[in-house]
Amino acid sequence: VFNLNVSGDKLDKAELKFSLIGFASKNVALKGKTVVNVTLSEDDQILDEVVVVGYGTQKKATLTGAVSTIGTDELTVTPTSNVQNMLAGKLPGVRIQQRTGEPGSYDAKMDIRGLGTPLVVIDGVVREVSDFQRLEANDIESVSGVLLVTTRKGESGKTRIDYTGSFGFQNPSGLPDVLDAAQYAELVREADRNMGRGINTTFTEEDVARFRREGGTDWYDLAMKNLVPQTHHNVTASGSGKRTQYFLSFGYYGEDGIWKTGDLNYHRYNIRSNLSFDVTKDLKAELLIGAMSDEKNQPYKDTWEQFKAIWMLKPTETPYANNNESFPLMITDADQSGYKRRINRTLNTTFTLTYKAPFLKGLSAKFLYAYDYKNYQQKEFQKQYTLYKYDREKDVYNSQIYSSPSSIYRKSWEGAQNQLQASLNYERLFAEKHNLKVLFLYEQSAKEEDNLWAKRNFEMDAVDEIFAGSEEEQIGNADAGQIYRVTNMGLVGRVNYDYQSKYLAEVSFRYDGSSKFAKGHRWGFFPSASVGYRISEES
């Protein structure tokens, strides 16, 4: 028995959803009720539901661990470019902290019950969090565990084409309120008086009255939009032939930034082709290919620097020399102060062969090979610009040069990894009571990265390419932390047993080695065991 507090004006419209593993969910409309009695009916289909676990699948009813799963429909209700943020509030224990809503910025923190960033496995292959963040949400079949991601496969039947699209607007929120010109002038007058300089030192009462009458400069309004658009389009095709199943997808996501210049924006393209082939009655092949390309453009100054500049500007100042509006705000205009551009390109491929042995019921073998390639291009063009301040007494414009000299910075980074798995699986029910499942797996992987960057200054910045820069004082180097090659090998074993789906046990181990460690300390053995008892199965 528990109590819920619902305000009176919402009581008639409120609806409660009751759910419990093993039982069908039920929605109950309150319609003014203050006491609700609910009886849930058993749902055998839910108990037979199969969930993805490491290196395979298991029935939810016989799991000895806690695994939650969500699908495409639950993910896509949240319109955002980052799939990671779509998990917020949908998986128990998963904490998502979105640090910024800036277009193309995937600066979000994720942890499991405060124990750190989880391992990300996509289609059976360990991949980076950034791969998961940039997935097309409509390509995902399910997300379970921490974090096991399965992409969609072809559905049986004729070709089915689906389109999903959205267009919406965002607006800045949580911005601190700032003083208008009159309020600012009054506080400056008070500060002058408190400092013993005289209350009329900076502003007089006539100045305050003029600011109330004519207003000052609203720097927010000058630089920022109130509404910025975001759009998403996705087309999928799914179907099957006599021996094939296919799932094809193309997605686009676009988002503009808050600056009125339009120079902050983000564009992403996703392509996926998941093909399955029945080579023979007992041999099945899968080829999963996913590609992503995205581009983020912004003014040279980062967003936090632009906000800092806006907050430091006084509402009593004018944005243009002599209030001449022939030039826009410099730091938000890429044409005037320069720009930054970041391009990511990713290719994820996975090939699998699954063989079901006809000579021994329940025995199967699986081979998996995955190859991933990433390329990152960064270009930063800092452009020299001049600001002017009008001197009324002398009737001249005093100039000041900023960001001198103009410069160009280019960085190229690439990374690749490959992974191989070979496994034997045996699953059998004996005497209709004893269910046994055994897994033995070997895997190896290699990952490498490399990078190079260079910078030149300009004598003339008409061409924003590094060849146009001056060879004098040019610099080039590489980031040492992004040059490496790491290899890993491992053996995995797991045995699951249950008696009439009532008494459950699981024993597993990993024997892993990594080149990250010194010789003699590269291998480790990691066993685990768990048991379970389903009291609901007692008669």
Protein backbone atom coordinates (compact mmCIF):
# COMPACT_ATOMS: atom_id res chain seq x y z
CA VAL A 1 0.00 0.00 0.00
CA PHE A 2 1.34 3.43 -0.90
CA ASN A 3 0.08 7.00 -1.23
CA LEU A 4 0.44 9.48 -4.11
CA ASN A 5 -0.27 13.19 -3.88
CA VAL A 6 -2.03 14.61 -6.96
CA SER A 7 -3.32 18.19 -7.09
CA GLY A 8 -7.10 18.52 -7.31
CA ASP A 9 -7.20 20.16 -10.75
CA LYS A 10 -5.21 17.24 -12.24
CA LEU A 11 -6.96 14.39 -10.46
CA ASP A 12 -9.64 13.89 -13.12
CA LYS A 13 -7.08 13.68 -15.92
CA ALA A 14 -4.41 11.67 -14.09
CA GLU A 15 -3.57 8.12 -15.17
CA LEU A 16 -1.44 5.54 -13.37
CA LYS A 17 0.55 2.78 -15.03
CA PHE A 18 1.21 -0.40 -13.03
CA SER A 19 3.88 -2.83 -14.20
CA LEU A 20 5.81 -5.77 -12.79
CA ILE A 21 8.13 -8.29 -14.44
CA GLY A 22 6.10 -11.35 -15.42
CA PHE A 23 2.79 -9.51 -15.49
CA ALA A 24 0.98 -7.50 -18.14
CA SER A 25 1.07 -3.74 -17.59
CA LYS A 26 -2.19 -1.94 -16.86
CA ASN A 27 -3.16 1.74 -17.18
CA VAL A 28 -5.83 3.02 -14.81
CA ALA A 29 -7.52 6.42 -15.24
CA LEU A 30 -8.25 8.00 -11.83
CA LYS A 31 -11.31 10.05 -12.87
CA GLY A 32 -11.56 11.52 -9.40
CA LYS A 33 -10.84 8.28 -7.51
CA THR A 34 -8.86 8.53 -4.31
CA VAL A 35 -8.43 4.76 -3.81
CA VAL A 36 -7.40 2.38 -6.61
CA ASN A 37 -7.27 -1.41 -6.33
CA VAL A 38 -5.42 -3.15 -9.18
CA THR A 39 -4.92 -6.83 -10.03
CA LEU A 40 -2.29 -7.67 -12.66
CA SER A 41 -2.56 -10.78 -14.80
CA GLU A 42 0.39 -13.01 -15.61
CA ASP A 43 2.02 -12.56 -19.02
CA ASP A 44 3.89 -15.66 -20.15
CA GLN A 45 5.12 -13.86 -23.24
CA ILE A 46 7.08 -11.41 -21.09
CA LEU A 47 8.65 -14.26 -19.12
CA ASP A 48 9.76 -15.89 -22.37
CA GLU A 49 11.25 -12.62 -23.61
CA VAL A 50 14.87 -12.92 -24.68
CA VAL A 51 17.30 -10.14 -23.73
CA VAL A 52 20.78 -9.47 -25.02
CA VAL A 53 23.63 -10.25 -22.62
CA GLY A 54 27.37 -10.41 -23.16
CA TYR A 55 28.20 -12.77 -26.06
CA GLY A 56 24.65 -14.01 -26.48
CA THR A 57 21.05 -13.91 -25.31
CA GLN A 58 19.10 -15.31 -22.35
CA LYS A 59 15.49 -15.57 -21.28
CA LYS A 60 14.60 -12.72 -18.98
CA ALA A 61 12.83 -15.08 -16.56
CA THR A 62 15.99 -17.12 -15.89
CA LEU A 63 18.48 -14.28 -15.51
CA THR A 64 20.33 -14.14 -12.21
CA GLY A 65 21.32 -10.52 -12.79
CA ALA A 66 19.35 -7.33 -13.33
CA VAL A 67 19.06 -6.34 -16.99
CA SER A 68 16.75 -3.65 -18.32
CA THR A 69 16.01 -3.20 -22.00
CA ILE A 70 14.47 -0.39 -24.05
CA GLY A 71 13.64 -0.32 -27.74
CA THR A 72 13.38 2.11 -30.61
CA ASP A 73 9.97 3.49 -29.68
CA GLU A 74 11.12 4.48 -26.20
CA LEU A 75 14.34 6.04 -27.48
CA THR A 76 12.91 8.16 -30.27
CA VAL A 77 10.42 10.04 -28.10
CA THR A 78 13.31 12.34 -27.17
CA PRO A 79 14.33 14.57 -30.13
CA THR A 80 18.06 15.07 -29.69
CA SER A 81 21.19 14.47 -31.74
CA ASN A 82 22.86 12.45 -28.95
CA VAL A 83 21.44 8.94 -28.46
CA GLN A 84 23.14 8.83 -25.07
CA ASN A 85 20.88 11.63 -23.81
CA MET A 86 17.83 9.64 -24.96
CA LEU A 87 18.56 7.09 -22.20
CA ALA A 88 18.01 9.64 -19.42
CA GLY A 89 15.38 8.34 -17.00
CA LYS A 90 14.71 5.18 -19.02
CA LEU A 91 17.22 2.63 -17.66
CA PRO A 92 17.52 2.03 -13.89
CA GLY A 93 20.87 3.09 -12.48
CA VAL A 94 21.98 4.93 -15.63
CA ARG A 95 22.81 8.55 -14.89
CA ILE A 96 23.06 11.02 -17.76
CA GLN A 97 24.36 14.55 -17.28
CA GLN A 98 24.04 16.76 -20.35
CA ARG A 99 26.53 19.54 -19.87
CA THR A 100 25.59 21.66 -22.87
CA GLY A 101 22.98 21.93 -25.58
CA GLU A 102 25.38 23.44 -28.10
CA PRO A 103 24.92 21.94 -31.59
CA GLY A 104 27.48 19.23 -32.35
CA SER A 105 28.82 19.15 -28.80
CA TYR A 106 28.59 15.63 -27.39
CA ASP A 107 29.76 16.69 -23.96
CA ALA A 108 27.54 14.45 -21.85
CA LYS A 109 28.56 12.35 -18.87
CA MET A 110 27.18 8.85 -18.35
CA ASP A 111 27.76 6.46 -15.48
CA ILE A 112 26.14 3.38 -13.94
CA ARG A 113 25.17 3.94 -10.31
CA GLY A 114 28.10 6.32 -9.93
CA LEU A 115 30.69 3.65 -10.80
CA GLY A 116 32.07 5.23 -13.95
CA THR A 117 31.48 5.22 -17.69
CA PRO A 118 30.12 1.83 -18.86
CA LEU A 119 31.54 -0.40 -21.55
CA VAL A 120 29.73 0.06 -24.87
CA VAL A 121 29.14 -3.03 -27.04
CA ILE A 122 27.45 -2.50 -30.42
CA ASP A 123 26.39 -5.64 -32.31
CA GLY A 124 28.73 -7.76 -30.20
CA VAL A 125 31.78 -5.52 -30.68
CA VAL A 126 33.34 -3.25 -28.06
CA ARG A 127 33.24 0.28 -29.43
CA GLU A 128 33.66 3.86 -28.26
CA VAL A 129 31.04 5.91 -26.43
CA SER A 130 31.27 8.38 -29.34
CA ASP A 131 30.08 5.62 -31.72
CA PHE A 132 26.99 5.12 -29.58
CA GLN A 133 26.34 8.85 -29.22
CA ARG A 134 26.24 9.39 -32.98
CA LEU A 135 24.08 6.38 -33.90
CA GLU A 136 20.84 7.01 -35.77
CA ALA A 137 18.18 6.25 -33.12
CA ASN A 138 15.87 4.58 -35.67
CA ASP A 139 18.63 2.04 -36.44
CA ILE A 140 18.61 0.70 -32.87
CA GLU A 141 16.64 -2.43 -32.05
CA SER A 142 17.37 -2.42 -28.32
CA VAL A 143 19.69 -1.12 -25.62
CA SER A 144 20.23 -3.30 -22.56
CA GLY A 145 22.71 -3.87 -19.80
CA VAL A 146 25.74 -1.60 -19.62
CA LEU A 147 25.53 -0.92 -22.57
CA LEU A 148 24.68 -3.66 -25.06
CA VAL A 149 23.34 -2.10 -28.25
CA THR A 150 21.70 -4.17 -31.00
CA THR A 151 20.94 -2.59 -34.35
CA ARG A 152 17.89 -3.52 -36.37
CA LYS A 153 17.83 -6.42 -38.81
CA GLY A 154 15.56 -7.16 -41.75
CA GLU A 155 11.97 -8.24 -41.12
CA SER A 156 10.34 -11.15 -42.89
CA GLY A 157 7.98 -10.29 -45.71
CA LYS A 158 7.79 -7.79 -48.51
CA THR A 159 9.82 -4.63 -48.57
CA ARG A 160 8.56 -2.06 -46.07
CA ILE A 161 9.64 1.56 -46.37
CA ASP A 162 9.25 3.89 -43.38
CA TYR A 163 9.91 7.60 -43.05
CA THR A 164 10.36 9.43 -39.78
CA GLY A 165 10.77 13.18 -39.71
CA SER A 166 10.60 16.05 -37.30
CA PHE A 167 11.07 19.79 -37.33
CA GLY A 168 11.13 21.89 -34.21
CA PHE A 169 12.59 24.89 -32.45
CA GLN A 170 14.79 25.35 -29.43
CA ASN A 171 15.18 28.42 -27.30
CA PRO A 172 17.89 29.42 -24.84
CA SER A 173 16.89 28.79 -21.23
CA GLY A 174 18.43 29.38 -17.84
CA LEU A 175 20.29 32.51 -18.91
CA PRO A 176 21.00 34.88 -16.02
CA ASP A 177 19.03 38.10 -16.02
CA VAL A 178 21.14 41.20 -16.60
CA LEU A 179 20.59 44.85 -15.70
CA ASP A 180 19.27 47.33 -18.22
CA ALA A 181 21.11 50.61 -18.81
CA ALA A 182 19.18 52.62 -16.21
CA GLN A 183 19.59 49.97 -13.49
CA TYR A 184 23.30 49.67 -14.24
CA ALA A 185 23.81 53.45 -14.13
CA GLU A 186 22.03 53.69 -10.76
CA LEU A 187 24.28 51.02 -9.24
CA VAL A 188 27.41 52.70 -10.64
CA ARG A 189 26.28 55.99 -9.09
CA GLU A 190 25.79 54.24 -5.76
CA ALA A 191 29.24 52.61 -6.03
CA ASP A 192 30.86 55.96 -6.83
CA ARG A 193 29.25 57.49 -3.76
CA ASN A 194 30.35 54.60 -1.53
CA MET A 195 33.91 54.88 -2.82
CA GLY A 196 34.01 58.60 -2.07
CA ARG A 197 34.30 59.65 -5.72
CA GLY A 198 31.04 61.58 -5.85
CA ILE A 199 27.71 60.26 -6.99
CA ASN A 200 27.80 62.11 -10.34
CA THR A 201 31.32 61.03 -11.29
CA THR A 202 30.31 58.50 -13.95
CA PHE A 203 26.58 59.04 -14.52
CA THR A 204 24.29 61.93 -13.62
CA GLU A 205 20.58 61.83 -12.86
CA GLU A 206 20.00 63.16 -16.37
CA ASP A 207 21.91 60.14 -17.77
CA VAL A 208 19.72 57.76 -15.77
CA ALA A 209 16.57 59.52 -17.01
CA ARG A 210 17.85 59.33 -20.61
CA PHE A 211 18.54 55.60 -20.26
CA ARG A 212 15.02 55.05 -18.92
CA ARG A 213 13.61 57.04 -21.82
CA GLU A 214 15.80 55.80 -24.69
CA GLY A 215 16.99 52.47 -23.33
CA GLY A 216 20.46 51.01 -23.69
CA THR A 217 22.01 48.04 -25.45
CA ASP A 218 20.47 44.58 -24.98
CA TRP A 219 23.49 42.43 -25.80
CA TYR A 220 21.43 39.22 -25.62
CA ASP A 221 19.02 40.51 -28.23
CA LEU A 222 21.81 41.86 -30.41
CA ALA A 223 23.72 38.57 -30.62
CA MET A 224 21.22 35.76 -29.98
CA LYS A 225 18.12 34.28 -31.58
CA ASN A 226 15.07 33.50 -29.47
CA LEU A 227 14.26 30.39 -31.53
CA VAL A 228 16.63 28.13 -33.45
CA PRO A 229 15.50 25.27 -35.71
CA GLN A 230 16.44 21.60 -35.58
CA THR A 231 15.39 18.96 -38.08
CA HIS A 232 15.67 15.20 -38.40
CA HIS A 233 14.82 12.89 -41.30
CA ASN A 234 15.18 9.12 -41.55
CA VAL A 235 14.19 6.61 -44.22
CA THR A 236 14.40 2.85 -43.67
CA ALA A 237 13.73 -0.12 -45.93
CA SER A 238 13.28 -3.58 -44.46
CA GLY A 239 12.27 -6.92 -45.92
CA SER A 240 13.38 -10.38 -46.95
CA GLY A 241 13.83 -12.70 -49.89
CA LYS A 242 14.00 -16.46 -50.04
CA ARG A 243 17.38 -16.64 -48.30
CA THR A 244 18.10 -13.02 -47.38
CA GLN A 245 16.95 -10.38 -44.96
CA TYR A 246 17.88 -6.73 -45.27
CA PHE A 247 17.62 -3.49 -43.34
CA LEU A 248 18.72 -0.25 -45.01
CA SER A 249 18.67 3.18 -43.42
CA PHE A 250 19.58 6.76 -44.25
CA GLY A 251 19.35 9.54 -41.67
CA TYR A 252 20.05 13.26 -41.50
CA TYR A 253 20.14 15.50 -38.44
CA GLY A 254 20.62 19.27 -38.61
CA GLU A 255 20.72 21.89 -35.90
CA ASP A 256 21.41 25.62 -35.85
CA GLY A 257 23.03 27.57 -33.03
CA ILE A 258 21.83 30.58 -31.11
CA TRP A 259 23.95 33.26 -32.79
CA LYS A 260 22.15 35.53 -35.23
CA THR A 261 25.03 35.29 -37.68
CA GLY A 262 24.10 31.63 -38.32
CA ASP A 263 27.76 30.60 -38.09
CA LEU A 264 27.15 28.00 -35.36
CA ASN A 265 25.57 24.87 -36.85
CA TYR A 266 25.79 21.08 -36.97
CA HIS A 267 24.98 18.49 -39.64
CA ARG A 268 25.14 14.69 -39.41
CA TYR A 269 24.51 11.91 -41.92
CA ASN A 270 24.05 8.22 -41.04
CA ILE A 271 23.93 5.27 -43.44
CA ARG A 272 23.36 1.64 -42.45
CA SER A 273 23.13 -1.65 -44.32
CA ASN A 274 22.42 -4.80 -42.29
CA LEU A 275 22.24 -7.93 -44.44
CA SER A 276 21.59 -11.53 -43.40
CA PHE A 277 22.06 -14.59 -45.64
CA ASP A 278 21.05 -18.21 -45.18
CA VAL A 279 24.03 -19.78 -46.93
CA THR A 280 22.75 -23.28 -46.18
CA LYS A 281 20.15 -24.72 -43.87
CA ASP A 282 22.70 -24.76 -41.04
CA LEU A 283 24.98 -21.82 -41.94
CA LYS A 284 23.97 -18.15 -41.63
CA ALA A 285 26.03 -15.08 -42.53
CA GLU A 286 25.57 -11.44 -41.52
CA LEU A 287 27.23 -8.32 -42.85
CA LEU A 288 26.54 -5.18 -40.82
CA ILE A 289 27.86 -1.85 -42.12
CA GLY A 290 27.30 1.52 -40.50
CA ALA A 291 28.79 4.83 -41.65
CA MET A 292 28.56 8.30 -40.13
CA SER A 293 29.78 11.73 -41.19
CA ASP A 294 29.20 14.89 -39.21
CA GLU A 295 30.40 18.48 -39.36
CA LYS A 296 30.31 21.22 -36.75
CA ASN A 297 30.93 24.86 -37.70
CA GLN A 298 31.33 27.72 -35.25
CA PRO A 299 32.92 31.16 -34.93
CA TYR A 300 36.56 31.12 -33.84
CA LYS A 301 35.72 32.08 -30.28
CA ASP A 302 34.09 29.23 -28.34
CA THR A 303 30.56 29.68 -27.04
CA TRP A 304 31.64 30.13 -23.41
CA GLU A 305 34.01 32.93 -24.47
CA GLN A 306 31.20 34.66 -26.34
CA PHE A 307 28.88 34.47 -23.33
CA LYS A 308 31.68 35.81 -21.14
CA ALA A 309 32.12 38.73 -23.52
CA ILE A 310 28.39 39.47 -23.57
CA TRP A 311 28.16 39.46 -19.77
CA MET A 312 31.17 41.80 -19.48
CA LEU A 313 29.76 44.36 -21.88
CA LYS A 314 27.96 47.32 -20.34
CA PRO A 315 24.35 48.05 -21.29
CA THR A 316 25.26 51.76 -21.41
CA GLU A 317 27.70 51.20 -24.28
CA THR A 318 26.80 51.12 -27.96
CA PRO A 319 27.80 48.14 -30.08
CA TYR A 320 29.02 50.21 -33.02
CA ALA A 321 31.35 53.17 -33.30
CA ASN A 322 29.27 56.35 -33.30
CA ASN A 323 26.29 53.97 -33.27
CA ASN A 324 26.98 53.18 -36.94
CA GLU A 325 25.45 49.76 -37.62
CA SER A 326 27.54 48.94 -40.69
CA PHE A 327 29.33 46.03 -38.96
CA PRO A 328 27.88 43.16 -36.89
CA LEU A 329 29.30 41.86 -33.65
CA MET A 330 32.73 40.54 -34.53
CA ILE A 331 33.20 37.50 -32.32
CA THR A 332 29.99 35.79 -33.45
CA ASP A 333 30.69 36.45 -37.13
CA ALA A 334 32.97 33.90 -38.80
CA ASP A 335 33.52 36.16 -41.81
CA GLN A 336 35.01 38.82 -39.57
CA SER A 337 36.86 36.96 -36.79
CA GLY A 338 37.41 33.47 -38.22
CA TYR A 339 35.96 30.05 -37.64
CA LYS A 340 36.47 26.51 -36.33
CA ARG A 341 35.40 23.42 -38.23
CA ARG A 342 35.40 19.82 -37.04
CA ILE A 343 34.59 16.86 -39.28
CA ASN A 344 34.20 13.26 -38.08
CA ARG A 345 33.90 10.25 -40.37
CA THR A 346 33.33 6.74 -39.01
CA LEU A 347 32.96 3.33 -40.62
CA ASN A 348 31.85 0.32 -38.52
CA THR A 349 31.74 -3.12 -40.13
CA THR A 350 30.89 -6.50 -38.63
CA PHE A 351 30.86 -9.88 -40.37
CA THR A 352 29.54 -13.03 -38.67
CA LEU A 353 29.09 -16.69 -39.53
CA THR A 354 26.85 -18.87 -37.37
CA TYR A 355 26.79 -22.64 -37.83
CA LYS A 356 24.27 -24.94 -36.15
CA ALA A 357 25.68 -28.44 -35.94
CA PRO A 358 23.20 -30.96 -37.40
CA PHE A 359 25.01 -33.86 -35.71
CA LEU A 360 24.50 -32.62 -32.12
CA LYS A 361 21.34 -30.87 -31.06
CA GLY A 362 21.96 -27.55 -29.33
CA LEU A 363 25.57 -27.13 -30.50
CA SER A 364 26.50 -24.08 -32.56
CA ALA A 365 29.66 -22.24 -33.56
CA LYS A 366 30.08 -18.56 -34.32
CA PHE A 367 32.82 -16.55 -35.98
CA LEU A 368 32.90 -12.74 -35.86
CA TYR A 369 35.28 -10.24 -37.43
CA ALA A 370 34.86 -6.47 -37.08
CA TYR A 371 36.84 -3.61 -38.56
CA ASP A 372 36.29 0.05 -37.64
CA TYR A 373 37.93 3.13 -39.09
CA LYS A 374 37.69 6.74 -37.94
CA ASN A 375 38.97 9.99 -39.37
CA TYR A 376 38.88 13.40 -37.72
CA GLN A 377 39.73 16.71 -39.38
CA GLN A 378 40.06 19.96 -37.45
CA LYS A 379 40.55 23.38 -39.00
CA GLU A 380 40.83 26.66 -37.09
CA PHE A 381 41.12 29.97 -38.93
CA GLN A 382 41.81 32.91 -36.63
CA LYS A 383 41.26 36.15 -38.51
CA GLN A 384 42.66 39.51 -37.50
CA TYR A 385 40.02 42.20 -37.08
CA THR A 386 39.80 45.84 -36.08
CA LEU A 387 37.40 47.57 -33.69
CA TYR A 388 36.83 51.33 -33.54
CA LYS A 389 35.84 53.70 -30.78
CA TYR A 390 34.56 57.17 -31.57
CA ASP A 391 36.15 60.14 -29.80
CA ARG A 392 33.49 62.90 -29.79
CA GLU A 393 35.83 65.64 -28.62
CA LYS A 394 38.37 65.10 -31.40
CA ASP A 395 35.82 63.74 -33.92
CA VAL A 396 38.06 60.75 -34.81
CA TYR A 397 37.76 56.96 -34.79
CA ASN A 398 40.44 55.29 -32.68
CA SER A 399 41.22 51.77 -33.91
CA GLN A 400 42.44 48.70 -32.07
CA ILE A 401 43.58 45.46 -33.73
CA TYR A 402 42.60 42.09 -32.25
CA SER A 403 43.71 38.48 -32.89
CA SER A 404 46.86 39.53 -34.68
CA PRO A 405 48.36 37.99 -36.70
CA SER A 406 45.81 35.91 -38.59
CA SER A 407 46.64 32.20 -38.43
CA ILE A 408 45.56 28.79 -39.67
CA TYR A 409 45.66 25.52 -37.69
CA ARG A 410 45.07 22.08 -39.19
CA LYS A 411 44.93 18.71 -37.45
CA SER A 412 44.40 15.28 -38.94
CA TRP A 413 43.70 12.22 -36.77
CA GLU A 414 42.83 8.67 -37.69
CA GLY A 415 42.17 5.51 -35.74
CA ALA A 416 41.39 1.92 -36.58
CA GLN A 417 40.54 -1.22 -34.68
CA ASN A 418 39.82 -4.82 -35.55
CA GLN A 419 38.33 -7.56 -33.45
CA LEU A 420 38.01 -11.31 -33.93
CA GLN A 421 35.84 -13.74 -31.98
CA ALA A 422 35.39 -17.50 -32.27
CA SER A 423 32.92 -19.23 -29.97
CA LEU A 424 31.18 -22.54 -29.25
CA ASN A 425 27.69 -22.56 -27.74
CA TYR A 426 25.74 -25.50 -26.39
CA GLU A 427 22.14 -25.22 -25.17
CA ARG A 428 19.96 -28.20 -24.28
CA LEU A 429 16.95 -29.11 -22.14
CA PHE A 430 17.26 -32.50 -20.46
CA ALA A 431 14.30 -34.49 -19.15
CA GLU A 432 12.16 -31.35 -19.59
CA LYS A 433 13.55 -30.07 -16.27
CA HIS A 434 17.26 -29.39 -16.55
CA ASN A 435 18.21 -26.50 -18.79
CA LEU A 436 21.91 -26.17 -19.58
CA LYS A 437 23.68 -23.47 -21.56
CA VAL A 438 27.45 -23.40 -22.11
CA LEU A 439 29.63 -20.80 -23.85
CA PHE A 440 33.35 -20.92 -24.61
CA LEU A 441 34.87 -18.03 -26.56
CA TYR A 442 38.24 -16.76 -27.79
CA GLU A 443 38.72 -13.15 -28.81
CA GLN A 444 41.50 -10.82 -29.84
CA SER A 445 41.59 -7.16 -30.79
CA ALA A 446 44.00 -4.46 -31.89
CA LYS A 447 43.55 -0.72 -31.82
CA GLU A 448 45.78 2.06 -33.10
CA GLU A 449 45.72 5.84 -33.48
CA ASP A 450 47.90 8.47 -35.16
CA ASN A 451 47.75 12.23 -35.68
CA LEU A 452 49.60 15.25 -37.03
CA TRP A 453 49.01 18.98 -36.78
CA ALA A 454 50.51 22.17 -38.16
CA LYS A 455 50.07 25.92 -37.75
CA ARG A 456 51.08 28.95 -39.84
CA ASN A 457 50.58 32.70 -39.55
CA PHE A 458 49.33 34.85 -42.40
CA GLU A 459 50.73 38.00 -43.89
CA MET A 460 47.51 38.20 -45.94
CA ASP A 461 44.49 36.12 -44.90
CA ALA A 462 42.58 36.15 -48.19
CA VAL A 463 43.03 32.36 -48.60
CA ASP A 464 42.18 30.27 -45.53
CA GLU A 465 44.47 27.33 -46.35
CA ILE A 466 47.73 26.33 -44.71
CA PHE A 467 49.74 26.52 -47.95
CA ALA A 468 48.94 30.24 -48.09
CA GLY A 469 50.53 30.89 -44.71
CA SER A 470 54.04 32.11 -44.02
CA GLU A 471 56.82 29.56 -43.56
CA GLU A 472 58.40 31.79 -40.94
CA GLU A 473 57.57 30.73 -37.38
CA GLN A 474 55.51 27.81 -38.66
CA ILE A 475 55.09 24.96 -36.18
CA GLY A 476 54.01 21.35 -36.45
CA ASN A 477 53.84 18.41 -34.11
CA ALA A 478 51.72 15.46 -32.99
CA ASP A 479 49.83 14.75 -29.78
CA ALA A 480 51.77 11.93 -28.10
CA GLY A 481 48.73 10.64 -26.23
CA GLN A 482 47.01 9.90 -29.55
CA ILE A 483 49.80 7.77 -31.05
CA TYR A 484 49.68 4.18 -29.90
CA ARG A 485 48.91 0.56 -30.73
CA VAL A 486 47.23 -1.71 -28.19
CA THR A 487 46.44 -5.41 -28.53
CA ASN A 488 44.25 -7.60 -26.33
CA MET A 489 43.51 -11.33 -26.14
CA GLY A 490 41.08 -13.24 -23.98
CA LEU A 491 39.27 -16.46 -23.21
CA VAL A 492 35.70 -16.41 -21.91
CA GLY A 493 33.69 -19.22 -20.39
CA ARG A 494 30.14 -19.29 -19.03
CA VAL A 495 27.77 -21.99 -17.78
CA ASN A 496 24.09 -21.32 -17.07
CA TYR A 497 21.86 -23.91 -15.40
CA ASP A 498 18.29 -23.82 -14.20
CA TYR A 499 15.97 -26.45 -12.84
CA GLN A 500 12.40 -25.97 -14.09
CA SER A 501 13.15 -22.25 -14.33
CA LYS A 502 13.00 -22.20 -10.53
CA TYR A 503 16.54 -22.70 -9.25
CA LEU A 504 19.11 -20.71 -11.21
CA ALA A 505 22.90 -20.67 -11.29
CA GLU A 506 25.57 -19.05 -13.43
CA VAL A 507 29.36 -19.47 -13.35
CA SER A 508 31.67 -17.54 -15.68
CA PHE A 509 35.29 -16.50 -16.09
CA ARG A 510 37.53 -14.30 -18.20
CA TYR A 511 41.24 -14.79 -18.78
CA ASP A 512 42.45 -11.55 -20.39
CA GLY A 513 45.78 -10.20 -21.55
CA SER A 514 46.69 -6.68 -22.68
CA SER A 515 49.81 -5.10 -24.17
CA LYS A 516 49.17 -2.04 -21.98
CA PHE A 517 50.90 -3.78 -19.09
CA ALA A 518 54.52 -4.83 -18.59
CA LYS A 519 55.69 -8.34 -19.37
CA GLY A 520 54.88 -10.70 -16.55
CA HIS A 521 51.83 -8.62 -15.57
CA ARG A 522 49.76 -8.73 -18.75
CA TRP A 523 47.33 -11.54 -17.89
CA GLY A 524 44.57 -11.69 -15.34
CA PHE A 525 41.89 -14.21 -14.34
CA PHE A 526 38.43 -12.88 -13.44
CA PRO A 527 35.85 -15.41 -12.19
CA SER A 528 32.25 -14.74 -11.16
CA ALA A 529 29.25 -16.72 -9.95
CA SER A 530 25.61 -16.04 -9.11
CA VAL A 531 22.54 -17.99 -8.02
CA GLY A 532 18.83 -17.27 -8.09
CA TYR A 533 15.58 -18.59 -6.77
CA ARG A 534 12.16 -17.80 -8.26
CA ILE A 535 9.73 -18.13 -5.42
CA SER A 536 6.89 -17.43 -7.84
CA GLU A 537 7.43 -20.89 -9.34
CA GLU A 538 6.60 -22.65 -6.09
CA SER A 539 3.26 -24.42 -6.20
